[in-house]
Every structure is written in structure tokens, then in C-alpha cells.
Amino acid sequence: SFNVVDSFDTHAAIPQHFEQVDQAAGTSG
């Protein structure tokens, strides 16, 4: 629903976090 910015800092989990967020943001524009 928004353009968002976060400070997610669990380095090992960044790739998975990116994939999930990319799908949500890409679908919503």
C-alpha cells in the first residue's frame, strides 16, 4: 500500500527478506 523504507539488519536473512518484499512491492507498483 505504500512506498516503504526499513532497517532490517539480520544479515543472513536479507536475501529471503528481499525476495518477499520485492514480490509485494512489484505487484503493488
PDB file of all heavy atoms in Angstrom:
ATOM      1  N   SER A   1       0.794  -1.232   0.000  1.00  0.00           N
ATOM      2  CA  SER A   1       0.000   0.000   0.000  1.00  0.00           C
ATOM      3  C   SER A   1       0.825   1.279   0.000  1.00  0.00           C
ATOM      4  O   SER A   1       0.291   2.351  -0.297  1.00  0.00           O
ATOM      5  CB  SER A   1      -0.921   0.023   1.237  1.00  0.00           C
ATOM      6  OG  SER A   1      -1.756  -1.108   1.281  1.00  0.00           O
ATOM      7  N   PHE A   2       2.118   1.194   0.344  1.00  0.00           N
ATOM      8  CA  PHE A   2       2.964   2.390   0.479  1.00  0.00           C
ATOM      9  C   PHE A   2       4.321   2.152  -0.190  1.00  0.00           C
ATOM     10  O   PHE A   2       4.750   1.009  -0.358  1.00  0.00           O
ATOM     11  CB  PHE A   2       3.257   2.686   1.958  1.00  0.00           C
ATOM     12  CG  PHE A   2       2.078   2.985   2.829  1.00  0.00           C
ATOM     13  CD1 PHE A   2       1.418   1.968   3.504  1.00  0.00           C
ATOM     14  CD2 PHE A   2       1.650   4.292   2.999  1.00  0.00           C
ATOM     15  CE1 PHE A   2       0.353   2.240   4.342  1.00  0.00           C
ATOM     16  CE2 PHE A   2       0.573   4.584   3.838  1.00  0.00           C
ATOM     17  CZ  PHE A   2      -0.084   3.552   4.508  1.00  0.00           C
ATOM     18  N   ASN A   3       5.020   3.249  -0.516  1.00  0.00           N
ATOM     19  CA  ASN A   3       6.472   3.188  -0.652  1.00  0.00           C
ATOM     20  C   ASN A   3       7.020   3.086   0.767  1.00  0.00           C
ATOM     21  O   ASN A   3       6.591   3.837   1.663  1.00  0.00           O
ATOM     22  CB  ASN A   3       7.018   4.448  -1.315  1.00  0.00           C
ATOM     23  CG  ASN A   3       6.516   4.619  -2.734  1.00  0.00           C
ATOM     24  OD1 ASN A   3       6.485   3.677  -3.516  1.00  0.00           O
ATOM     25  ND2 ASN A   3       6.122   5.841  -3.073  1.00  0.00           N
ATOM     26  N   VAL A   4       7.944   2.166   1.004  1.00  0.00           N
ATOM     27  CA  VAL A   4       8.415   1.937   2.371  1.00  0.00           C
ATOM     28  C   VAL A   4       9.942   1.898   2.418  1.00  0.00           C
ATOM     29  O   VAL A   4      10.616   1.614   1.428  1.00  0.00           O
ATOM     30  CB  VAL A   4       7.861   0.621   2.958  1.00  0.00           C
ATOM     31  CG1 VAL A   4       6.334   0.676   3.065  1.00  0.00           C
ATOM     32  CG2 VAL A   4       8.306  -0.586   2.149  1.00  0.00           C
ATOM     33  N   VAL A   5      10.473   2.178   3.610  1.00  0.00           N
ATOM     34  CA  VAL A   5      11.903   2.021   3.897  1.00  0.00           C
ATOM     35  C   VAL A   5      12.014   1.328   5.245  1.00  0.00           C
ATOM     36  O   VAL A   5      11.316   1.709   6.194  1.00  0.00           O
ATOM     37  CB  VAL A   5      12.637   3.370   3.950  1.00  0.00           C
ATOM     38  CG1 VAL A   5      14.135   3.153   4.175  1.00  0.00           C
ATOM     39  CG2 VAL A   5      12.418   4.162   2.675  1.00  0.00           C
ATOM     40  N   ASP A   6      12.879   0.294   5.328  1.00  0.00           N
ATOM     41  CA  ASP A   6      13.107  -0.335   6.623  1.00  0.00           C
ATOM     42  C   ASP A   6      14.594  -0.425   6.924  1.00  0.00           C
ATOM     43  O   ASP A   6      15.438  -0.104   6.086  1.00  0.00           O
ATOM     44  CB  ASP A   6      12.402  -1.704   6.728  1.00  0.00           C
ATOM     45  CG  ASP A   6      13.153  -2.870   6.047  1.00  0.00           C
ATOM     46  OD1 ASP A   6      14.350  -2.735   5.718  1.00  0.00           O
ATOM     47  OD2 ASP A   6      12.524  -3.931   5.848  1.00  0.00           O
ATOM     48  N   SER A   7      14.903  -0.872   8.148  1.00  0.00           N
ATOM     49  CA  SER A   7      16.297  -1.001   8.589  1.00  0.00           C
ATOM     50  C   SER A   7      16.594  -2.450   8.975  1.00  0.00           C
ATOM     51  O   SER A   7      17.356  -2.698   9.909  1.00  0.00           O
ATOM     52  CB  SER A   7      16.572  -0.069   9.773  1.00  0.00           C
ATOM     53  OG  SER A   7      15.700  -0.370  10.856  1.00  0.00           O
ATOM     54  N   PHE A   8      16.023  -3.387   8.248  1.00  0.00           N
ATOM     55  CA  PHE A   8      16.208  -4.809   8.535  1.00  0.00           C
ATOM     56  C   PHE A   8      17.697  -5.143   8.577  1.00  0.00           C
ATOM     57  O   PHE A   8      18.419  -4.925   7.600  1.00  0.00           O
ATOM     58  CB  PHE A   8      15.514  -5.645   7.459  1.00  0.00           C
ATOM     59  CG  PHE A   8      15.545  -7.125   7.708  1.00  0.00           C
ATOM     60  CD1 PHE A   8      14.695  -7.700   8.632  1.00  0.00           C
ATOM     61  CD2 PHE A   8      16.430  -7.938   7.017  1.00  0.00           C
ATOM     62  CE1 PHE A   8      14.720  -9.067   8.869  1.00  0.00           C
ATOM     63  CE2 PHE A   8      16.468  -9.302   7.238  1.00  0.00           C
ATOM     64  CZ  PHE A   8      15.605  -9.870   8.173  1.00  0.00           C
ATOM     65  N   ASP A   9      18.181  -5.670   9.711  1.00  0.00           N
ATOM     66  CA  ASP A   9      19.627  -5.819   9.862  1.00  0.00           C
ATOM     67  C   ASP A   9      20.083  -7.227  10.207  1.00  0.00           C
ATOM     68  O   ASP A   9      21.215  -7.416  10.678  1.00  0.00           O
ATOM     69  CB  ASP A   9      20.155  -4.827  10.901  1.00  0.00           C
ATOM     70  CG  ASP A   9      19.646  -5.097  12.317  1.00  0.00           C
ATOM     71  OD1 ASP A   9      18.819  -6.011  12.503  1.00  0.00           O
ATOM     72  OD2 ASP A   9      20.094  -4.387  13.249  1.00  0.00           O
ATOM     73  N   THR A  10      19.240  -8.220   9.974  1.00  0.00           N
ATOM     74  CA  THR A  10      19.689  -9.599  10.134  1.00  0.00           C
ATOM     75  C   THR A  10      20.359 -10.021   8.834  1.00  0.00           C
ATOM     76  O   THR A  10      19.704 -10.458   7.882  1.00  0.00           O
ATOM     77  CB  THR A  10      18.503 -10.533  10.465  1.00  0.00           C
ATOM     78  OG1 THR A  10      17.796 -10.023  11.598  1.00  0.00           O
ATOM     79  CG2 THR A  10      18.998 -11.935  10.779  1.00  0.00           C
ATOM     80  N   HIS A  11      21.674  -9.873   8.766  1.00  0.00           N
ATOM     81  CA  HIS A  11      22.413 -10.021   7.506  1.00  0.00           C
ATOM     82  C   HIS A  11      22.116 -11.337   6.798  1.00  0.00           C
ATOM     83  O   HIS A  11      21.912 -11.362   5.584  1.00  0.00           O
ATOM     84  CB  HIS A  11      23.921  -9.889   7.761  1.00  0.00           C
ATOM     85  CG  HIS A  11      24.356  -8.513   8.139  1.00  0.00           C
ATOM     86  ND1 HIS A  11      24.887  -7.620   7.233  1.00  0.00           N
ATOM     87  CD2 HIS A  11      24.325  -7.865   9.324  1.00  0.00           C
ATOM     88  CE1 HIS A  11      25.180  -6.486   7.852  1.00  0.00           C
ATOM     89  NE2 HIS A  11      24.849  -6.615   9.117  1.00  0.00           N
ATOM     90  N   ALA A  12      22.077 -12.433   7.549  1.00  0.00           N
ATOM     91  CA  ALA A  12      21.903 -13.746   6.931  1.00  0.00           C
ATOM     92  C   ALA A  12      20.534 -13.905   6.278  1.00  0.00           C
ATOM     93  O   ALA A  12      20.363 -14.708   5.358  1.00  0.00           O
ATOM     94  CB  ALA A  12      22.103 -14.841   7.982  1.00  0.00           C
ATOM     95  N   ALA A  13      19.557 -13.133   6.738  1.00  0.00           N
ATOM     96  CA  ALA A  13      18.192 -13.275   6.228  1.00  0.00           C
ATOM     97  C   ALA A  13      17.823 -12.224   5.182  1.00  0.00           C
ATOM     98  O   ALA A  13      16.686 -12.201   4.702  1.00  0.00           O
ATOM     99  CB  ALA A  13      17.196 -13.206   7.395  1.00  0.00           C
ATOM    100  N   ILE A  14      18.765 -11.359   4.813  1.00  0.00           N
ATOM    101  CA  ILE A  14      18.455 -10.295   3.851  1.00  0.00           C
ATOM    102  C   ILE A  14      18.003 -10.848   2.498  1.00  0.00           C
ATOM    103  O   ILE A  14      17.018 -10.347   1.929  1.00  0.00           O
ATOM    104  CB  ILE A  14      19.647  -9.329   3.700  1.00  0.00           C
ATOM    105  CG1 ILE A  14      19.760  -8.443   4.951  1.00  0.00           C
ATOM    106  CG2 ILE A  14      19.486  -8.445   2.460  1.00  0.00           C
ATOM    107  CD1 ILE A  14      20.976  -7.531   4.966  1.00  0.00           C
ATOM    108  N   PRO A  15      18.650 -11.864   1.915  1.00  0.00           N
ATOM    109  CA  PRO A  15      18.185 -12.359   0.609  1.00  0.00           C
ATOM    110  C   PRO A  15      16.727 -12.818   0.625  1.00  0.00           C
ATOM    111  O   PRO A  15      15.968 -12.500  -0.298  1.00  0.00           O
ATOM    112  CB  PRO A  15      19.149 -13.512   0.325  1.00  0.00           C
ATOM    113  CG  PRO A  15      20.398 -13.139   1.046  1.00  0.00           C
ATOM    114  CD  PRO A  15      19.921 -12.510   2.320  1.00  0.00           C
ATOM    115  N   GLN A  16      16.333 -13.547   1.654  1.00  0.00           N
ATOM    116  CA  GLN A  16      14.944 -14.008   1.745  1.00  0.00           C
ATOM    117  C   GLN A  16      13.997 -12.829   1.943  1.00  0.00           C
ATOM    118  O   GLN A  16      12.926 -12.766   1.323  1.00  0.00           O
ATOM    119  CB  GLN A  16      14.801 -14.997   2.890  1.00  0.00           C
ATOM    120  CG  GLN A  16      13.372 -15.523   3.065  1.00  0.00           C
ATOM    121  CD  GLN A  16      13.241 -16.451   4.258  1.00  0.00           C
ATOM    122  OE1 GLN A  16      14.202 -16.675   4.984  1.00  0.00           O
ATOM    123  NE2 GLN A  16      12.049 -16.983   4.456  1.00  0.00           N
ATOM    124  N   HIS A  17      14.381 -11.894   2.810  1.00  0.00           N
ATOM    125  CA  HIS A  17      13.561 -10.704   3.051  1.00  0.00           C
ATOM    126  C   HIS A  17      13.380  -9.919   1.753  1.00  0.00           C
ATOM    127  O   HIS A  17      12.277  -9.470   1.427  1.00  0.00           O
ATOM    128  CB  HIS A  17      14.235  -9.842   4.123  1.00  0.00           C
ATOM    129  CG  HIS A  17      13.443  -8.657   4.569  1.00  0.00           C
ATOM    130  ND1 HIS A  17      12.164  -8.747   5.075  1.00  0.00           N
ATOM    131  CD2 HIS A  17      13.754  -7.319   4.595  1.00  0.00           C
ATOM    132  CE1 HIS A  17      11.728  -7.544   5.406  1.00  0.00           C
ATOM    133  NE2 HIS A  17      12.681  -6.662   5.106  1.00  0.00           N
ATOM    134  N   PHE A  18      14.463  -9.770   0.996  1.00  0.00           N
ATOM    135  CA  PHE A  18      14.400  -9.047  -0.280  1.00  0.00           C
ATOM    136  C   PHE A  18      13.391  -9.697  -1.220  1.00  0.00           C
ATOM    137  O   PHE A  18      12.557  -9.008  -1.828  1.00  0.00           O
ATOM    138  CB  PHE A  18      15.787  -9.021  -0.930  1.00  0.00           C
ATOM    139  CG  PHE A  18      15.816  -8.302  -2.258  1.00  0.00           C
ATOM    140  CD1 PHE A  18      16.146  -6.960  -2.323  1.00  0.00           C
ATOM    141  CD2 PHE A  18      15.506  -8.967  -3.436  1.00  0.00           C
ATOM    142  CE1 PHE A  18      16.162  -6.289  -3.541  1.00  0.00           C
ATOM    143  CE2 PHE A  18      15.514  -8.310  -4.658  1.00  0.00           C
ATOM    144  CZ  PHE A  18      15.847  -6.959  -4.708  1.00  0.00           C
ATOM    145  N   GLU A  19      13.447 -11.003  -1.373  1.00  0.00           N
ATOM    146  CA  GLU A  19      12.552 -11.697  -2.309  1.00  0.00           C
ATOM    147  C   GLU A  19      11.089 -11.504  -1.945  1.00  0.00           C
ATOM    148  O   GLU A  19      10.243 -11.247  -2.812  1.00  0.00           O
ATOM    149  CB  GLU A  19      12.903 -13.192  -2.335  1.00  0.00           C
ATOM    150  CG  GLU A  19      14.235 -13.498  -3.009  1.00  0.00           C
ATOM    151  CD  GLU A  19      14.543 -14.977  -3.030  1.00  0.00           C
ATOM    152  OE1 GLU A  19      13.646 -15.774  -2.670  1.00  0.00           O
ATOM    153  OE2 GLU A  19      15.676 -15.348  -3.408  1.00  0.00           O
ATOM    154  N   GLN A  20      10.776 -11.614  -0.677  1.00  0.00           N
ATOM    155  CA  GLN A  20       9.385 -11.467  -0.241  1.00  0.00           C
ATOM    156  C   GLN A  20       8.889 -10.043  -0.452  1.00  0.00           C
ATOM    157  O   GLN A  20       7.766  -9.828  -0.938  1.00  0.00           O
ATOM    158  CB  GLN A  20       9.266 -11.865   1.229  1.00  0.00           C
ATOM    159  CG  GLN A  20       9.522 -13.343   1.486  1.00  0.00           C
ATOM    160  CD  GLN A  20       9.552 -13.691   2.959  1.00  0.00           C
ATOM    161  OE1 GLN A  20       9.805 -12.830   3.817  1.00  0.00           O
ATOM    162  NE2 GLN A  20       9.311 -14.948   3.277  1.00  0.00           N
ATOM    163  N   VAL A  21       9.725  -9.069  -0.095  1.00  0.00           N
ATOM    164  CA  VAL A  21       9.325  -7.668  -0.240  1.00  0.00           C
ATOM    165  C   VAL A  21       9.270  -7.274  -1.708  1.00  0.00           C
ATOM    166  O   VAL A  21       8.381  -6.521  -2.130  1.00  0.00           O
ATOM    167  CB  VAL A  21      10.289  -6.757   0.548  1.00  0.00           C
ATOM    168  CG1 VAL A  21       9.970  -5.282   0.298  1.00  0.00           C
ATOM    169  CG2 VAL A  21      10.223  -7.069   2.038  1.00  0.00           C
ATOM    170  N   ASP A  22      10.186  -7.773  -2.514  1.00  0.00           N
ATOM    171  CA  ASP A  22      10.209  -7.446  -3.939  1.00  0.00           C
ATOM    172  C   ASP A  22       8.923  -7.899  -4.625  1.00  0.00           C
ATOM    173  O   ASP A  22       8.365  -7.175  -5.470  1.00  0.00           O
ATOM    174  CB  ASP A  22      11.415  -8.106  -4.600  1.00  0.00           C
ATOM    175  CG  ASP A  22      11.625  -7.655  -6.027  1.00  0.00           C
ATOM    176  OD1 ASP A  22      11.566  -6.433  -6.281  1.00  0.00           O
ATOM    177  OD2 ASP A  22      11.845  -8.515  -6.895  1.00  0.00           O
ATOM    178  N   GLN A  23       8.448  -9.049  -4.262  1.00  0.00           N
ATOM    179  CA  GLN A  23       7.206  -9.539  -4.848  1.00  0.00           C
ATOM    180  C   GLN A  23       6.029  -8.653  -4.461  1.00  0.00           C
ATOM    181  O   GLN A  23       5.201  -8.291  -5.308  1.00  0.00           O
ATOM    182  CB  GLN A  23       6.935 -10.974  -4.397  1.00  0.00           C
ATOM    183  CG  GLN A  23       5.689 -11.588  -5.027  1.00  0.00           C
ATOM    184  CD  GLN A  23       5.493 -13.040  -4.644  1.00  0.00           C
ATOM    185  OE1 GLN A  23       6.243 -13.588  -3.842  1.00  0.00           O
ATOM    186  NE2 GLN A  23       4.486 -13.679  -5.211  1.00  0.00           N
ATOM    187  N   ALA A  24       5.956  -8.267  -3.190  1.00  0.00           N
ATOM    188  CA  ALA A  24       4.849  -7.427  -2.722  1.00  0.00           C
ATOM    189  C   ALA A  24       4.897  -6.040  -3.346  1.00  0.00           C
ATOM    190  O   ALA A  24       3.881  -5.525  -3.823  1.00  0.00           O
ATOM    191  CB  ALA A  24       4.897  -7.317  -1.200  1.00  0.00           C
ATOM    192  N   ALA A  25       6.085  -5.414  -3.351  1.00  0.00           N
ATOM    193  CA  ALA A  25       6.206  -4.058  -3.892  1.00  0.00           C
ATOM    194  C   ALA A  25       6.054  -4.050  -5.404  1.00  0.00           C
ATOM    195  O   ALA A  25       5.449  -3.132  -5.972  1.00  0.00           O
ATOM    196  CB  ALA A  25       7.557  -3.461  -3.494  1.00  0.00           C
ATOM    197  N   GLY A  26       6.577  -5.070  -6.075  1.00  0.00           N
ATOM    198  CA  GLY A  26       6.458  -5.127  -7.525  1.00  0.00           C
ATOM    199  C   GLY A  26       5.017  -5.293  -7.966  1.00  0.00           C
ATOM    200  O   GLY A  26       4.574  -4.659  -8.929  1.00  0.00           O
ATOM    201  N   THR A  27       4.280  -6.126  -7.259  1.00  0.00           N
ATOM    202  CA  THR A  27       2.870  -6.359  -7.598  1.00  0.00           C
ATOM    203  C   THR A  27       2.027  -5.117  -7.370  1.00  0.00           C
ATOM    204  O   THR A  27       1.121  -4.807  -8.151  1.00  0.00           O
ATOM    205  CB  THR A  27       2.313  -7.526  -6.770  1.00  0.00           C
ATOM    206  OG1 THR A  27       3.085  -8.705  -7.033  1.00  0.00           O
ATOM    207  CG2 THR A  27       0.860  -7.791  -7.101  1.00  0.00           C
ATOM    208  N   SER A  28       2.329  -4.373  -6.292  1.00  0.00           N
ATOM    209  CA  SER A  28       1.529  -3.199  -5.951  1.00  0.00           C
ATOM    210  C   SER A  28       1.976  -1.929  -6.676  1.00  0.00           C
ATOM    211  O   SER A  28       1.285  -0.906  -6.619  1.00  0.00           O
ATOM    212  CB  SER A  28       1.593  -2.948  -4.440  1.00  0.00           C
ATOM    213  OG  SER A  28       2.892  -2.540  -4.050  1.00  0.00           O
ATOM    214  N   GLY A  29       3.146  -1.975  -7.324  1.00  0.00           N
ATOM    215  CA  GLY A  29       3.649  -0.800  -8.023  1.00  0.00           C
ATOM    216  C   GLY A  29       4.330   0.207  -7.126  1.00  0.00           C
ATOM    217  O   GLY A  29       4.393   1.395  -7.448  1.00  0.00           O
TER     218      GLY A  29
END
